[in-house]
């Protein structure tokens, strides 16, 4: 899917992108810091399935590390079962420990997906 916003990107600072935010309002703080903002689709975790992913065709799926109803690991398991391939951005607060450790742990859950840690 091509972005509706000119100059947005699949990597936070390059090309065009569509981000699917799953119960992740904190991701808007990350997006506001970006020079080139992606198109954004917002959905609930309960609605995350293969049909939603095929309809939206996101470059990135974004979630919080921990949300009231699920955590990033649960989201990764669900996405992995759909067969979707892309980047999953996990939003964390700035006071979290080094993101390389967290990224490695999440990557073990879904080795075929690219995981990026996004600091809000």
N, C-alpha and C. Protein backbone atom coordinates (compact mmCIF):
# COMPACT_ATOMS: atom_id res chain seq x y z
N UNK A 1 0.84 -1.17 0.00
CA UNK A 1 0.00 0.00 0.00
C UNK A 1 0.89 1.23 0.00
N UNK A 2 0.59 2.14 -0.88
CA UNK A 2 1.35 3.39 -0.91
C UNK A 2 0.81 4.32 0.15
N UNK A 3 1.69 5.08 0.71
CA UNK A 3 1.30 6.00 1.76
C UNK A 3 0.46 7.13 1.18
N UNK A 4 -0.47 7.62 1.97
CA UNK A 4 -1.25 8.77 1.57
C UNK A 4 -0.53 10.07 1.88
N UNK A 5 0.56 9.98 2.61
CA UNK A 5 1.32 11.16 3.00
C UNK A 5 2.61 11.19 2.20
N UNK A 6 2.81 12.21 1.39
CA UNK A 6 4.01 12.33 0.57
C UNK A 6 5.26 12.43 1.45
N UNK A 7 6.28 11.68 1.07
CA UNK A 7 7.57 11.77 1.76
C UNK A 7 7.67 10.96 3.03
N UNK A 8 6.73 10.04 3.27
CA UNK A 8 6.86 9.20 4.46
C UNK A 8 7.72 8.00 4.13
N UNK A 9 8.01 7.16 5.12
CA UNK A 9 9.00 6.12 4.88
C UNK A 9 8.70 4.80 5.53
N UNK A 10 9.32 3.73 4.95
CA UNK A 10 9.19 2.41 5.54
C UNK A 10 10.16 2.27 6.71
N UNK A 11 11.31 2.85 6.63
CA UNK A 11 12.18 3.01 7.80
C UNK A 11 11.80 4.37 8.35
N UNK A 12 11.90 4.59 9.65
CA UNK A 12 11.42 5.86 10.18
C UNK A 12 11.92 7.11 9.45
N UNK A 13 13.00 7.02 8.70
CA UNK A 13 13.48 8.24 8.04
C UNK A 13 13.77 8.07 6.55
N UNK A 14 13.16 7.08 5.86
CA UNK A 14 13.37 6.91 4.43
C UNK A 14 12.08 6.46 3.74
N UNK A 15 11.93 6.68 2.40
CA UNK A 15 10.86 6.17 1.57
C UNK A 15 9.45 6.39 2.10
N UNK A 16 8.46 5.59 1.62
CA UNK A 16 7.07 5.73 2.05
C UNK A 16 6.67 4.57 2.94
N UNK A 17 5.72 4.81 3.85
CA UNK A 17 5.32 3.73 4.77
C UNK A 17 3.90 3.89 5.26
N UNK A 18 3.35 2.77 5.67
CA UNK A 18 2.09 2.73 6.39
C UNK A 18 2.36 1.99 7.70
N UNK A 19 1.98 2.61 8.81
CA UNK A 19 2.15 2.00 10.12
C UNK A 19 0.78 1.61 10.65
N UNK A 20 0.66 0.40 11.15
CA UNK A 20 -0.54 -0.08 11.81
C UNK A 20 -0.28 -0.05 13.31
N UNK A 21 -0.94 0.86 14.01
CA UNK A 21 -0.77 1.01 15.46
C UNK A 21 -1.81 0.15 16.17
N UNK A 22 -1.35 -0.78 16.99
CA UNK A 22 -2.23 -1.67 17.73
C UNK A 22 -2.28 -1.21 19.18
N UNK A 23 -3.36 -0.55 19.54
CA UNK A 23 -3.54 -0.04 20.92
C UNK A 23 -2.27 0.66 21.42
N UNK A 24 -1.71 1.53 20.59
CA UNK A 24 -0.42 2.15 20.94
C UNK A 24 -0.44 3.66 20.76
N UNK A 25 -1.21 4.38 21.58
CA UNK A 25 -1.24 5.83 21.43
C UNK A 25 0.12 6.49 21.70
N UNK A 26 0.99 5.82 22.49
CA UNK A 26 2.32 6.37 22.75
C UNK A 26 3.14 6.47 21.47
N UNK A 27 2.81 5.69 20.47
CA UNK A 27 3.54 5.73 19.20
C UNK A 27 3.38 7.08 18.51
N UNK A 28 2.31 7.79 18.82
CA UNK A 28 2.12 9.11 18.21
C UNK A 28 3.23 10.07 18.63
N UNK A 29 3.75 9.91 19.84
CA UNK A 29 4.90 10.74 20.27
C UNK A 29 6.12 10.44 19.42
N UNK A 30 6.33 9.16 19.09
CA UNK A 30 7.45 8.77 18.23
C UNK A 30 7.26 9.37 16.85
N UNK A 31 6.07 9.26 16.31
CA UNK A 31 5.78 9.77 14.97
C UNK A 31 5.96 11.28 14.92
N UNK A 32 5.54 11.99 15.97
CA UNK A 32 5.69 13.45 15.99
C UNK A 32 7.14 13.89 15.94
N UNK A 33 8.07 13.04 16.37
CA UNK A 33 9.50 13.38 16.34
C UNK A 33 10.13 13.13 14.97
N UNK A 34 9.42 12.42 14.09
CA UNK A 34 9.98 12.01 12.81
C UNK A 34 9.94 13.14 11.79
N UNK A 35 10.97 13.20 10.99
CA UNK A 35 11.01 14.20 9.92
C UNK A 35 9.98 13.86 8.84
N UNK A 36 9.91 12.58 8.47
CA UNK A 36 8.97 12.10 7.46
C UNK A 36 8.00 11.15 8.14
N UNK A 37 6.75 11.58 8.27
CA UNK A 37 5.78 10.81 9.02
C UNK A 37 5.05 9.79 8.14
N UNK A 38 4.80 8.60 8.68
CA UNK A 38 4.08 7.58 7.92
C UNK A 38 2.58 7.83 7.95
N UNK A 39 1.87 7.17 7.04
CA UNK A 39 0.42 7.07 7.15
C UNK A 39 0.15 6.15 8.33
N UNK A 40 -0.92 6.40 9.04
CA UNK A 40 -1.20 5.64 10.26
C UNK A 40 -2.61 5.06 10.19
N UNK A 41 -2.71 3.79 10.53
CA UNK A 41 -3.99 3.11 10.72
C UNK A 41 -3.99 2.62 12.15
N UNK A 42 -5.08 2.86 12.87
CA UNK A 42 -5.17 2.47 14.27
C UNK A 42 -6.18 1.34 14.40
N UNK A 43 -5.78 0.31 15.16
CA UNK A 43 -6.67 -0.84 15.38
C UNK A 43 -6.49 -1.37 16.79
N UNK A 44 -7.44 -2.19 17.21
CA UNK A 44 -7.36 -2.82 18.52
C UNK A 44 -6.71 -4.19 18.39
N UNK A 45 -6.09 -4.65 19.45
CA UNK A 45 -5.46 -5.97 19.46
C UNK A 45 -6.48 -7.06 19.14
N UNK A 46 -7.70 -6.90 19.62
CA UNK A 46 -8.74 -7.89 19.37
C UNK A 46 -9.04 -8.05 17.88
N UNK A 47 -8.76 -7.01 17.10
CA UNK A 47 -9.04 -7.03 15.66
C UNK A 47 -7.83 -7.44 14.81
N UNK A 48 -6.70 -7.69 15.44
CA UNK A 48 -5.48 -8.03 14.70
C UNK A 48 -5.56 -9.47 14.19
N UNK A 49 -5.66 -9.60 12.87
CA UNK A 49 -5.70 -10.92 12.24
C UNK A 49 -5.18 -10.80 10.81
N UNK A 50 -5.15 -11.91 10.11
CA UNK A 50 -4.62 -11.93 8.74
C UNK A 50 -5.43 -11.03 7.81
N UNK A 51 -6.75 -10.97 7.99
CA UNK A 51 -7.57 -10.13 7.13
C UNK A 51 -7.24 -8.65 7.31
N UNK A 52 -7.05 -8.21 8.55
CA UNK A 52 -6.68 -6.82 8.79
C UNK A 52 -5.33 -6.51 8.16
N UNK A 53 -4.37 -7.40 8.35
CA UNK A 53 -3.03 -7.17 7.80
C UNK A 53 -3.06 -7.16 6.27
N UNK A 54 -3.86 -8.00 5.65
CA UNK A 54 -3.92 -8.00 4.18
C UNK A 54 -4.67 -6.79 3.65
N UNK A 55 -5.62 -6.28 4.40
CA UNK A 55 -6.36 -5.09 3.98
C UNK A 55 -5.51 -3.83 4.13
N UNK A 56 -4.82 -3.69 5.23
CA UNK A 56 -4.01 -2.49 5.50
C UNK A 56 -2.66 -2.56 4.78
N UNK A 57 -2.09 -3.75 4.70
CA UNK A 57 -0.76 -3.96 4.12
C UNK A 57 0.29 -3.03 4.73
N UNK A 58 0.44 -3.08 6.05
CA UNK A 58 1.38 -2.16 6.71
C UNK A 58 2.83 -2.55 6.46
N UNK A 59 3.68 -1.53 6.44
CA UNK A 59 5.12 -1.76 6.43
C UNK A 59 5.59 -2.09 7.85
N UNK A 60 4.96 -1.44 8.81
CA UNK A 60 5.28 -1.62 10.23
C UNK A 60 3.99 -1.90 10.99
N UNK A 61 4.08 -2.76 11.98
CA UNK A 61 3.03 -2.92 12.99
C UNK A 61 3.65 -2.43 14.28
N UNK A 62 2.93 -1.55 14.96
CA UNK A 62 3.47 -0.89 16.15
C UNK A 62 2.64 -1.26 17.38
N UNK A 63 3.32 -1.59 18.46
CA UNK A 63 2.64 -1.87 19.72
C UNK A 63 3.49 -1.34 20.87
N UNK A 64 2.88 -1.28 22.04
CA UNK A 64 3.63 -0.95 23.25
C UNK A 64 4.27 -2.22 23.77
N UNK A 65 5.33 -2.08 24.52
CA UNK A 65 5.95 -3.25 25.14
C UNK A 65 4.92 -3.95 26.04
N UNK A 66 4.22 -3.17 26.83
CA UNK A 66 3.18 -3.70 27.71
C UNK A 66 1.95 -2.81 27.60
N UNK A 67 0.82 -3.43 27.30
CA UNK A 67 -0.47 -2.74 27.23
C UNK A 67 -1.40 -3.38 28.25
N UNK A 68 -2.51 -2.74 28.54
CA UNK A 68 -3.43 -3.32 29.53
C UNK A 68 -3.94 -4.72 29.17
N UNK A 69 -4.13 -5.01 27.88
CA UNK A 69 -4.74 -6.28 27.49
C UNK A 69 -3.77 -7.29 26.86
N UNK A 70 -2.56 -6.87 26.56
CA UNK A 70 -1.59 -7.76 25.91
C UNK A 70 -0.20 -7.16 26.04
N UNK A 71 0.82 -7.95 25.71
CA UNK A 71 2.17 -7.42 25.65
C UNK A 71 2.75 -7.70 24.26
N UNK A 72 3.93 -7.18 24.01
CA UNK A 72 4.55 -7.31 22.68
C UNK A 72 4.77 -8.76 22.28
N UNK A 73 5.07 -9.62 23.24
CA UNK A 73 5.28 -11.04 22.94
C UNK A 73 4.00 -11.67 22.40
N UNK A 74 2.87 -11.35 23.02
CA UNK A 74 1.59 -11.89 22.55
C UNK A 74 1.29 -11.39 21.13
N UNK A 75 1.56 -10.12 20.87
CA UNK A 75 1.35 -9.58 19.54
C UNK A 75 2.25 -10.29 18.52
N UNK A 76 3.50 -10.52 18.88
CA UNK A 76 4.43 -11.20 17.96
C UNK A 76 3.95 -12.62 17.65
N UNK A 77 3.47 -13.33 18.65
CA UNK A 77 2.93 -14.68 18.42
C UNK A 77 1.75 -14.63 17.45
N UNK A 78 0.86 -13.69 17.65
CA UNK A 78 -0.32 -13.58 16.79
C UNK A 78 0.09 -13.23 15.36
N UNK A 79 0.98 -12.28 15.20
CA UNK A 79 1.42 -11.89 13.86
C UNK A 79 2.16 -13.04 13.18
N UNK A 80 2.98 -13.72 13.92
CA UNK A 80 3.74 -14.84 13.36
C UNK A 80 2.79 -15.89 12.77
N UNK A 81 1.69 -16.16 13.45
CA UNK A 81 0.72 -17.15 12.96
C UNK A 81 0.04 -16.71 11.67
N UNK A 82 -0.03 -15.41 11.38
CA UNK A 82 -0.68 -14.94 10.15
C UNK A 82 0.22 -15.09 8.93
N UNK A 83 1.53 -15.21 9.16
CA UNK A 83 2.46 -15.29 8.03
C UNK A 83 2.90 -13.93 7.51
N UNK A 84 2.44 -12.85 8.14
CA UNK A 84 2.83 -11.50 7.71
C UNK A 84 4.33 -11.31 7.90
N UNK A 85 4.95 -10.61 6.99
CA UNK A 85 6.37 -10.28 7.08
C UNK A 85 6.53 -8.76 7.02
N UNK A 86 7.31 -8.24 7.92
CA UNK A 86 7.54 -6.80 7.96
C UNK A 86 8.27 -6.46 9.24
N UNK A 87 8.14 -5.21 9.63
CA UNK A 87 8.81 -4.72 10.83
C UNK A 87 7.79 -4.49 11.92
N UNK A 88 8.12 -4.95 13.11
CA UNK A 88 7.30 -4.68 14.30
C UNK A 88 8.07 -3.68 15.15
N UNK A 89 7.46 -2.54 15.38
CA UNK A 89 8.04 -1.53 16.25
C UNK A 89 7.43 -1.65 17.64
N UNK A 90 8.28 -1.73 18.64
CA UNK A 90 7.83 -1.85 20.02
C UNK A 90 8.16 -0.56 20.75
N UNK A 91 7.14 0.12 21.21
CA UNK A 91 7.31 1.41 21.87
C UNK A 91 7.63 1.19 23.35
N UNK A 92 8.71 1.83 23.79
CA UNK A 92 9.12 1.78 25.19
C UNK A 92 9.37 3.20 25.69
N UNK A 93 9.37 3.36 26.99
CA UNK A 93 9.66 4.68 27.56
C UNK A 93 11.18 4.88 27.58
N UNK A 94 11.58 6.11 27.67
CA UNK A 94 13.00 6.46 27.64
C UNK A 94 13.78 5.91 28.83
N UNK A 95 13.11 5.56 29.92
CA UNK A 95 13.81 5.06 31.10
C UNK A 95 13.98 3.53 31.12
N UNK A 96 13.68 2.88 30.01
CA UNK A 96 13.89 1.42 29.91
C UNK A 96 15.38 1.11 29.82
N UNK A 97 15.79 -0.09 30.21
CA UNK A 97 17.19 -0.50 30.07
C UNK A 97 17.57 -0.58 28.59
N UNK A 98 18.85 -0.82 28.31
CA UNK A 98 19.31 -0.83 26.91
C UNK A 98 18.43 -1.69 26.01
N UNK A 99 18.07 -1.12 24.86
CA UNK A 99 17.11 -1.77 23.97
C UNK A 99 17.68 -2.98 23.24
N UNK A 100 18.99 -3.14 23.15
CA UNK A 100 19.57 -4.30 22.47
C UNK A 100 19.17 -5.60 23.17
N UNK A 101 19.14 -5.60 24.48
CA UNK A 101 18.76 -6.79 25.24
C UNK A 101 17.29 -7.11 24.99
N UNK A 102 16.45 -6.10 25.07
CA UNK A 102 15.02 -6.28 24.83
C UNK A 102 14.77 -6.74 23.39
N UNK A 103 15.43 -6.10 22.46
CA UNK A 103 15.26 -6.45 21.04
C UNK A 103 15.64 -7.92 20.80
N UNK A 104 16.72 -8.38 21.37
CA UNK A 104 17.16 -9.77 21.20
C UNK A 104 16.12 -10.73 21.79
N UNK A 105 15.56 -10.40 22.94
CA UNK A 105 14.55 -11.26 23.55
C UNK A 105 13.30 -11.34 22.69
N UNK A 106 12.86 -10.20 22.15
CA UNK A 106 11.69 -10.19 21.29
C UNK A 106 11.96 -10.90 19.97
N UNK A 107 13.15 -10.74 19.45
CA UNK A 107 13.52 -11.37 18.18
C UNK A 107 13.45 -12.90 18.29
N UNK A 108 13.76 -13.45 19.46
CA UNK A 108 13.65 -14.89 19.67
C UNK A 108 12.21 -15.37 19.50
N UNK A 109 11.25 -14.52 19.85
CA UNK A 109 9.83 -14.88 19.74
C UNK A 109 9.39 -14.95 18.28
N UNK A 110 9.94 -14.09 17.44
CA UNK A 110 9.53 -14.03 16.03
C UNK A 110 10.75 -13.80 15.14
N UNK A 111 11.56 -14.84 14.94
CA UNK A 111 12.82 -14.67 14.22
C UNK A 111 12.68 -14.22 12.76
N UNK A 112 11.52 -14.42 12.14
CA UNK A 112 11.35 -14.02 10.74
C UNK A 112 10.86 -12.59 10.58
N UNK A 113 10.57 -11.93 11.69
CA UNK A 113 10.14 -10.53 11.65
C UNK A 113 11.29 -9.64 12.06
N UNK A 114 11.31 -8.44 11.54
CA UNK A 114 12.29 -7.46 11.98
C UNK A 114 11.70 -6.72 13.17
N UNK A 115 12.44 -6.61 14.24
CA UNK A 115 12.00 -5.94 15.45
C UNK A 115 12.79 -4.65 15.62
N UNK A 116 12.09 -3.57 15.89
CA UNK A 116 12.74 -2.29 16.19
C UNK A 116 12.16 -1.75 17.49
N UNK A 117 13.03 -1.21 18.31
CA UNK A 117 12.60 -0.58 19.56
C UNK A 117 12.46 0.91 19.31
N UNK A 118 11.29 1.46 19.64
CA UNK A 118 11.00 2.88 19.42
C UNK A 118 10.83 3.54 20.78
N UNK A 119 11.65 4.52 21.06
CA UNK A 119 11.62 5.19 22.37
C UNK A 119 10.68 6.39 22.29
N UNK A 120 9.68 6.41 23.20
CA UNK A 120 8.72 7.51 23.18
C UNK A 120 9.17 8.64 24.08
